[in-house]
Amino acid sequence: MANNVLRLNGEISGYQVWRVNQFLGENKGKPVTVRLASPGGDVAAAVQISHAFADHGDVTLIHDSFNASAATWLFGAKNIKMYNDCMLYVHCSSKEVFYWQSMNADRLKQMGVANAEDIKHLENIDRIIAGKYASRGKRSTDDMLAVMKAHPWLTAQECKDYGLIDEIINEKAPAKAANEMISAFRNCAIPIPEDGGLSDERSFFQKLGEMLGLSRGDNSTVNQITPPTTTMNKKFINVNTLLKVEGLDEQDSKVVLTTNQIQTIEDRLVELQGKVENHGNIEKQVTDQLDKFSEEVKNTEGIDAKISKIKDVFDKIPVTATPKSAVPEGPVDEFADIRKDPINNFYNE
């Protein structure tokens, strides 16, 4: 690839910001081209990339795949082109809800799972992005906000009509979306377009079936495999409580845990094992002390039995009468030695 062409594949992130800045720095003052294939990503990172494009001043951005979300409004580029067999997906911003999905502001309101501050934050981001679409396009901010709420896949012609691109390239894109891109869309909860290049992607087994002559005229294999159904399993109450989730996604009697979730379970098991081992040490210490009482106790199995044996020994000790204290009967004259009158009994002393 030429030194003035940068290929950006995958999620828009801080790493992609670093790549763009490095590339533009090496080509300062020169016209450059950036080819983009991305399911979107971090809004802040996309803003930085767009500003970097604008600061450079001569960036041509080419959409040569099915791009979505934050990848659709890098409007700092001087020129934006798009292949006629590609599409762009626009939608409202969203935040993670639990760990298995994300929701936009309208959905959060319906579900009642976010506070007003979160919803206001998302609505502000939506209006900023709608303003970006409107400032480069031919519609108002409210019009573009309505388009975002409909979250459509836009064809190249529709993108040009909205003013999101400057030019349509009427030839097949050199880089076709692959299964990796489909997986990225699914991971980001972005719907796959019903028509277009993505729907033509076939798995290895589908291609193998065609090679073996097992395909039908409609380009589908004889035995279509129905995608497995995913359900939420809530019956593992203790596990769900430990992982702080409502339930676990179950598919074909299998659940998938993240590395962090497995680490949480591991840490808890180690903690419980330590308590069990410590309990064993305490029991041994108590047993050793009880065994010192007598050989009979030492030869007795079990702490409760040893204690019972010691109790029996104490129960057999006869009870003796408490001796009377040597206390003289009658009142005690504490002043007998000084009771004589020193004046009247002077001669008797």
Protein backbone atom coordinates (compact mmCIF):
# COMPACT_ATOMS: atom_id res chain seq x y z
CA MET A 1 0.00 0.00 0.00
CA ALA A 2 1.26 3.47 -0.88
CA ASN A 3 2.78 5.61 1.86
CA ASN A 4 -0.03 8.13 1.55
CA VAL A 5 -2.81 5.56 2.04
CA LEU A 6 -3.92 4.28 5.45
CA ARG A 7 -6.16 1.26 5.98
CA LEU A 8 -8.36 1.37 9.13
CA ASN A 9 -10.04 -1.92 9.96
CA GLY A 10 -12.02 -2.80 13.06
CA GLU A 11 -13.33 -0.87 16.04
CA ILE A 12 -12.62 2.84 16.42
CA SER A 13 -10.56 3.16 19.58
CA GLY A 14 -7.67 5.00 21.18
CA TYR A 15 -5.27 2.78 19.26
CA GLN A 16 -6.81 3.87 15.94
CA VAL A 17 -6.43 7.51 17.06
CA TRP A 18 -2.71 6.88 17.59
CA ARG A 19 -2.39 5.25 14.15
CA VAL A 20 -4.15 8.16 12.44
CA ASN A 21 -1.99 10.76 14.19
CA GLN A 22 1.19 8.87 13.27
CA PHE A 23 0.10 8.55 9.66
CA LEU A 24 -0.93 12.20 9.28
CA GLY A 25 2.25 13.34 11.00
CA GLU A 26 4.34 11.42 8.49
CA ASN A 27 2.37 12.96 5.61
CA LYS A 28 2.04 16.53 6.81
CA GLY A 29 1.20 18.87 3.96
CA LYS A 30 0.54 15.98 1.55
CA PRO A 31 -2.80 14.72 0.24
CA VAL A 32 -3.66 11.38 1.87
CA THR A 33 -6.32 8.68 1.59
CA VAL A 34 -7.88 6.69 4.43
CA ARG A 35 -9.80 3.50 3.58
CA LEU A 36 -12.28 2.57 6.29
CA ALA A 37 -13.96 -0.71 7.28
CA SER A 38 -15.38 -0.39 10.80
CA PRO A 39 -18.47 -1.28 12.88
CA GLY A 40 -17.97 1.95 14.84
CA GLY A 41 -16.67 2.29 18.37
CA ASP A 42 -15.79 4.94 20.92
CA VAL A 43 -17.45 8.33 20.30
CA ALA A 44 -14.57 10.30 21.85
CA ALA A 45 -12.02 8.46 19.68
CA ALA A 46 -14.09 9.17 16.55
CA VAL A 47 -14.22 12.88 17.47
CA GLN A 48 -10.41 12.93 17.79
CA ILE A 49 -9.94 11.24 14.41
CA SER A 50 -12.37 13.66 12.74
CA HIS A 51 -10.50 16.63 14.24
CA ALA A 52 -7.18 15.17 13.11
CA PHE A 53 -8.54 14.89 9.55
CA ALA A 54 -9.67 18.52 9.67
CA ASP A 55 -6.33 19.73 11.06
CA HIS A 56 -4.44 17.96 8.29
CA GLY A 57 -6.69 19.60 5.71
CA ASP A 58 -6.36 17.20 2.76
CA VAL A 59 -7.78 13.81 3.73
CA THR A 60 -9.92 11.72 1.38
CA LEU A 61 -12.00 9.16 3.28
CA ILE A 62 -13.25 6.10 1.38
CA HIS A 63 -15.96 3.82 2.76
CA ASP A 64 -15.19 0.49 1.13
CA SER A 65 -17.18 -1.76 3.47
CA PHE A 66 -20.36 -1.87 5.52
CA ASN A 67 -19.53 0.79 8.11
CA ALA A 68 -21.60 1.77 11.10
CA SER A 69 -22.08 4.07 14.05
CA ALA A 70 -19.12 6.36 14.82
CA ALA A 71 -17.45 5.32 11.55
CA THR A 72 -20.15 7.20 9.57
CA TRP A 73 -19.47 10.76 10.75
CA LEU A 74 -15.71 11.32 10.37
CA PHE A 75 -16.56 14.57 8.64
CA GLY A 76 -13.20 16.21 9.22
CA ALA A 77 -12.16 14.65 5.90
CA LYS A 78 -12.00 17.04 2.96
CA ASN A 79 -13.60 14.52 0.59
CA ILE A 80 -15.69 11.45 1.44
CA LYS A 81 -16.29 8.72 -1.10
CA MET A 82 -18.20 5.46 -0.96
CA TYR A 83 -18.44 2.40 -3.15
CA ASN A 84 -21.87 1.75 -4.63
CA ASP A 85 -22.06 -1.76 -3.13
CA CYS A 86 -21.43 -0.58 0.44
CA MET A 87 -23.78 0.75 3.13
CA LEU A 88 -23.67 2.96 6.24
CA TYR A 89 -25.61 2.32 9.46
CA VAL A 90 -26.68 5.34 11.54
CA HIS A 91 -28.29 5.13 14.97
CA CYS A 92 -28.65 6.83 18.34
CA SER A 93 -25.94 6.48 20.98
CA SER A 94 -26.34 3.86 23.67
CA LYS A 95 -24.92 2.73 27.00
CA GLU A 96 -24.27 -0.76 28.33
CA VAL A 97 -27.11 -2.28 30.31
CA PHE A 98 -26.00 -5.21 32.41
CA TYR A 99 -23.46 -7.11 30.30
CA TRP A 100 -25.34 -8.67 27.43
CA GLN A 101 -26.83 -5.72 25.59
CA SER A 102 -26.90 -1.95 25.16
CA MET A 103 -29.82 0.45 24.85
CA ASN A 104 -30.38 3.94 23.47
CA ALA A 105 -32.15 6.75 25.33
CA ASP A 106 -35.67 5.87 24.13
CA ARG A 107 -35.24 2.23 25.08
CA LEU A 108 -33.83 3.16 28.49
CA LYS A 109 -36.94 5.28 29.14
CA GLN A 110 -39.23 2.40 28.19
CA MET A 111 -37.40 -0.09 30.41
CA GLY A 112 -36.90 2.34 33.28
CA VAL A 113 -33.37 1.05 33.93
CA ALA A 114 -31.48 4.36 33.84
CA ASN A 115 -31.74 7.61 35.71
CA ALA A 116 -32.58 10.95 34.13
CA GLU A 117 -28.93 12.02 34.10
CA ASP A 118 -27.87 9.01 31.98
CA ILE A 119 -30.72 9.56 29.53
CA LYS A 120 -29.96 13.29 29.27
CA HIS A 121 -26.30 12.46 28.58
CA LEU A 122 -27.25 10.12 25.72
CA GLU A 123 -29.70 12.64 24.29
CA ASN A 124 -26.99 15.32 24.29
CA ILE A 125 -24.63 13.00 22.39
CA ASP A 126 -27.40 12.18 19.90
CA ARG A 127 -28.01 15.87 19.21
CA ILE A 128 -24.28 16.52 18.75
CA ILE A 129 -24.01 13.68 16.22
CA ALA A 130 -27.23 14.75 14.47
CA GLY A 131 -25.70 18.22 14.22
CA LYS A 132 -22.63 16.73 12.55
CA TYR A 133 -24.79 14.94 9.98
CA ALA A 134 -26.81 18.12 9.39
CA SER A 135 -23.80 20.45 9.11
CA ARG A 136 -22.31 18.38 6.32
CA GLY A 137 -25.56 17.28 4.76
CA LYS A 138 -28.67 18.83 3.36
CA ARG A 139 -31.10 18.31 6.25
CA SER A 140 -31.80 19.92 9.62
CA THR A 141 -30.58 18.58 12.94
CA ASP A 142 -34.11 17.43 13.84
CA ASP A 143 -34.45 15.66 10.49
CA MET A 144 -31.18 13.77 11.00
CA LEU A 145 -32.12 12.95 14.60
CA ALA A 146 -35.30 11.32 13.26
CA VAL A 147 -33.19 9.31 10.81
CA MET A 148 -30.92 8.18 13.64
CA LYS A 149 -33.89 7.02 15.70
CA ALA A 150 -35.04 4.89 12.77
CA HIS A 151 -31.50 3.33 12.75
CA PRO A 152 -31.48 2.40 9.05
CA TRP A 153 -28.81 0.93 6.80
CA LEU A 154 -28.32 3.60 4.12
CA THR A 155 -27.27 2.77 0.56
CA ALA A 156 -24.57 4.78 -1.18
CA GLN A 157 -27.21 6.78 -3.06
CA GLU A 158 -29.14 7.52 0.13
CA CYS A 159 -25.93 8.65 1.82
CA LYS A 160 -25.28 11.05 -1.05
CA ASP A 161 -28.86 12.34 -0.92
CA TYR A 162 -28.43 13.08 2.79
CA GLY A 163 -25.09 14.74 2.06
CA LEU A 164 -23.05 12.28 4.11
CA ILE A 165 -20.70 11.56 1.17
CA ASP A 166 -19.47 13.53 -1.79
CA GLU A 167 -18.99 10.86 -4.42
CA ILE A 168 -20.12 7.32 -5.26
CA ILE A 169 -17.50 5.00 -6.74
CA ASN A 170 -19.32 2.84 -9.27
CA GLU A 171 -17.16 -0.23 -9.13
CA LYS A 172 -16.76 -3.23 -6.86
CA ALA A 173 -15.02 -2.44 -3.62
CA PRO A 174 -11.49 -3.88 -3.45
CA ALA A 175 -12.03 -4.98 0.15
CA LYS A 176 -15.23 -6.92 0.69
CA ALA A 177 -16.73 -7.30 4.16
CA ALA A 178 -15.81 -10.63 5.70
CA ASN A 179 -17.21 -12.87 8.42
CA GLU A 180 -15.02 -10.99 10.89
CA MET A 181 -16.94 -7.82 10.08
CA ILE A 182 -20.27 -9.62 10.53
CA SER A 183 -19.14 -10.81 13.96
CA ALA A 184 -18.13 -7.26 14.87
CA PHE A 185 -21.59 -5.95 13.93
CA ARG A 186 -23.27 -8.64 16.01
CA ASN A 187 -21.04 -7.95 19.00
CA CYS A 188 -22.03 -4.27 18.79
CA ALA A 189 -25.76 -5.17 18.55
CA ILE A 190 -25.91 -3.69 15.04
CA PRO A 191 -28.48 -5.38 12.77
CA ILE A 192 -27.14 -7.02 9.61
CA PRO A 193 -28.65 -5.53 6.42
CA GLU A 194 -31.05 -7.88 4.68
CA ASP A 195 -29.63 -7.11 1.26
CA GLY A 196 -26.09 -6.28 0.28
CA GLY A 197 -22.67 -7.86 0.40
CA LEU A 198 -22.78 -8.97 4.01
CA SER A 199 -25.65 -11.37 3.37
CA ASP A 200 -23.56 -13.07 0.65
CA GLU A 201 -20.86 -14.18 3.09
CA ARG A 202 -20.81 -17.97 3.36
CA SER A 203 -19.26 -20.15 5.99
CA PHE A 204 -16.60 -22.73 5.26
CA PHE A 205 -19.18 -25.52 5.44
CA GLN A 206 -21.51 -23.73 3.02
CA LYS A 207 -18.68 -23.34 0.52
CA LEU A 208 -17.68 -26.98 1.05
CA GLY A 209 -21.26 -28.04 0.37
CA GLU A 210 -21.23 -26.14 -2.92
CA MET A 211 -17.96 -27.79 -3.92
CA LEU A 212 -19.54 -31.21 -3.24
CA GLY A 213 -22.60 -30.33 -5.30
CA LEU A 214 -24.93 -30.05 -2.32
CA SER A 215 -26.12 -26.51 -3.10
CA ARG A 216 -29.49 -25.50 -4.51
CA GLY A 217 -30.22 -22.96 -7.16
CA ASP A 218 -31.02 -20.28 -4.54
CA ASN A 219 -27.37 -20.34 -3.37
CA SER A 220 -28.29 -22.03 -0.08
CA THR A 221 -27.21 -25.47 1.07
CA VAL A 222 -29.65 -28.37 1.19
CA ASN A 223 -29.64 -28.65 4.94
CA GLN A 224 -30.01 -25.17 6.34
CA ILE A 225 -28.91 -25.03 9.94
CA THR A 226 -31.29 -23.09 12.14
CA PRO A 227 -29.40 -20.63 14.34
CA PRO A 228 -29.51 -21.77 17.97
CA THR A 229 -31.84 -19.93 20.31
CA THR A 230 -30.32 -17.98 23.17
CA THR A 231 -32.23 -17.81 26.43
CA MET A 232 -31.44 -16.29 29.82
CA ASN A 233 -30.93 -18.89 32.55
CA LYS A 234 -31.79 -17.44 35.98
CA LYS A 235 -31.86 -20.65 38.04
CA PHE A 236 -28.23 -20.50 39.22
CA ILE A 237 -29.12 -17.98 41.93
CA ASN A 238 -25.85 -18.19 43.89
CA VAL A 239 -23.71 -17.88 40.77
CA ASN A 240 -25.78 -14.98 39.47
CA THR A 241 -25.50 -13.23 42.83
CA LEU A 242 -21.74 -13.75 42.93
CA LEU A 243 -21.30 -12.43 39.36
CA LYS A 244 -23.84 -9.61 39.96
CA VAL A 245 -25.91 -10.50 36.89
CA GLU A 246 -29.59 -11.23 36.40
CA GLY A 247 -28.90 -14.45 34.53
CA LEU A 248 -26.57 -16.27 32.15
CA ASP A 249 -27.04 -16.55 28.38
CA GLU A 250 -27.74 -20.21 27.57
CA GLN A 251 -27.46 -21.74 24.11
CA ASP A 252 -27.80 -25.49 23.48
CA SER A 253 -27.53 -26.18 27.23
CA LYS A 254 -24.27 -24.24 27.36
CA VAL A 255 -23.44 -20.91 28.98
CA VAL A 256 -20.54 -18.62 28.13
CA LEU A 257 -18.59 -16.85 30.88
CA THR A 258 -16.11 -14.04 30.44
CA THR A 259 -12.57 -14.29 31.77
CA ASN A 260 -13.41 -11.79 34.52
CA GLN A 261 -16.42 -13.85 35.59
CA ILE A 262 -14.36 -17.04 35.77
CA GLN A 263 -11.75 -15.17 37.83
CA THR A 264 -14.48 -14.03 40.24
CA ILE A 265 -15.61 -17.64 40.73
CA GLU A 266 -11.99 -18.79 41.15
CA ASP A 267 -11.32 -16.16 43.82
CA ARG A 268 -14.44 -17.17 45.74
CA LEU A 269 -13.49 -20.87 45.65
CA VAL A 270 -9.98 -20.08 46.92
CA GLU A 271 -11.51 -18.05 49.76
CA LEU A 272 -13.84 -20.90 50.74
CA GLN A 273 -11.02 -23.45 50.54
CA GLY A 274 -8.95 -21.33 52.91
CA LYS A 275 -11.81 -21.24 55.42
CA VAL A 276 -12.17 -25.04 55.25
CA GLU A 277 -8.45 -25.56 55.75
CA ASN A 278 -8.39 -23.10 58.65
CA HIS A 279 -11.34 -24.87 60.27
CA GLY A 280 -9.36 -28.13 60.09
CA ASN A 281 -6.39 -26.54 61.84
CA ILE A 282 -8.57 -25.24 64.69
CA GLU A 283 -10.17 -28.67 65.12
CA LYS A 284 -6.72 -30.29 65.43
CA GLN A 285 -5.61 -27.75 68.03
CA VAL A 286 -8.73 -28.41 70.15
CA THR A 287 -8.24 -32.17 69.80
CA ASP A 288 -4.60 -31.95 70.91
CA GLN A 289 -5.56 -30.01 74.05
CA LEU A 290 -8.32 -32.46 74.97
CA ASP A 291 -5.99 -35.45 74.48
CA LYS A 292 -3.74 -34.11 77.22
CA PHE A 293 -6.44 -34.85 79.80
CA SER A 294 -5.91 -38.62 79.84
CA GLU A 295 -5.05 -41.63 77.70
CA GLU A 296 -8.69 -42.68 77.75
CA VAL A 297 -9.72 -39.35 76.27
CA LYS A 298 -6.87 -39.53 73.75
CA ASN A 299 -8.09 -42.92 72.53
CA THR A 300 -11.63 -41.62 72.08
CA GLU A 301 -12.63 -40.56 68.52
CA GLY A 302 -14.34 -37.24 67.89
CA ILE A 303 -14.33 -33.92 69.75
CA ASP A 304 -17.86 -34.35 71.08
CA ALA A 305 -17.03 -37.85 72.40
CA LYS A 306 -13.83 -36.57 74.05
CA ILE A 307 -15.74 -33.75 75.79
CA SER A 308 -18.40 -36.21 76.94
CA LYS A 309 -15.68 -38.49 78.34
CA ILE A 310 -14.13 -35.63 80.30
CA LYS A 311 -17.56 -34.61 81.62
CA ASP A 312 -18.14 -38.16 82.86
CA VAL A 313 -14.87 -38.02 84.80
CA PHE A 314 -15.86 -34.78 86.50
CA ASP A 315 -19.32 -36.12 87.28
CA LYS A 316 -17.74 -39.04 89.22
CA ILE A 317 -15.79 -36.77 91.60
CA PRO A 318 -17.55 -36.93 95.08
CA VAL A 319 -18.93 -33.77 96.48
CA THR A 320 -17.40 -32.85 99.92
CA ALA A 321 -19.07 -30.74 102.63
CA THR A 322 -17.82 -27.24 102.91
CA PRO A 323 -15.88 -26.92 106.28
CA LYS A 324 -17.22 -24.49 108.77
CA SER A 325 -15.19 -21.36 109.11
CA ALA A 326 -13.42 -20.83 112.46
CA VAL A 327 -15.53 -17.92 113.49
CA PRO A 328 -16.11 -17.43 117.28
CA GLU A 329 -19.71 -17.48 118.45
CA GLY A 330 -21.21 -14.31 119.82
CA PRO A 331 -20.32 -10.72 119.23
CA VAL A 332 -16.72 -9.75 118.92
CA ASP A 333 -15.37 -6.84 120.95
CA GLU A 334 -12.93 -5.22 118.58
CA PHE A 335 -11.79 -2.71 121.26
CA ALA A 336 -11.23 -5.07 124.23
CA ASP A 337 -7.54 -4.22 124.56
CA ILE A 338 -8.14 -0.51 124.90
CA ARG A 339 -11.48 -0.43 126.67
CA LYS A 340 -10.00 0.40 130.21
CA ASP A 341 -10.32 4.01 131.26
CA PRO A 342 -6.74 5.36 131.55
CA ILE A 343 -7.82 8.03 134.07
CA ASN A 344 -9.91 6.00 136.55
CA ASN A 345 -7.85 2.82 136.30
CA PHE A 346 -4.40 4.41 136.44
CA TYR A 347 -3.16 2.22 139.25
CA ASN A 348 -4.42 -1.00 137.70
CA GLU A 349 -2.40 -0.55 134.53
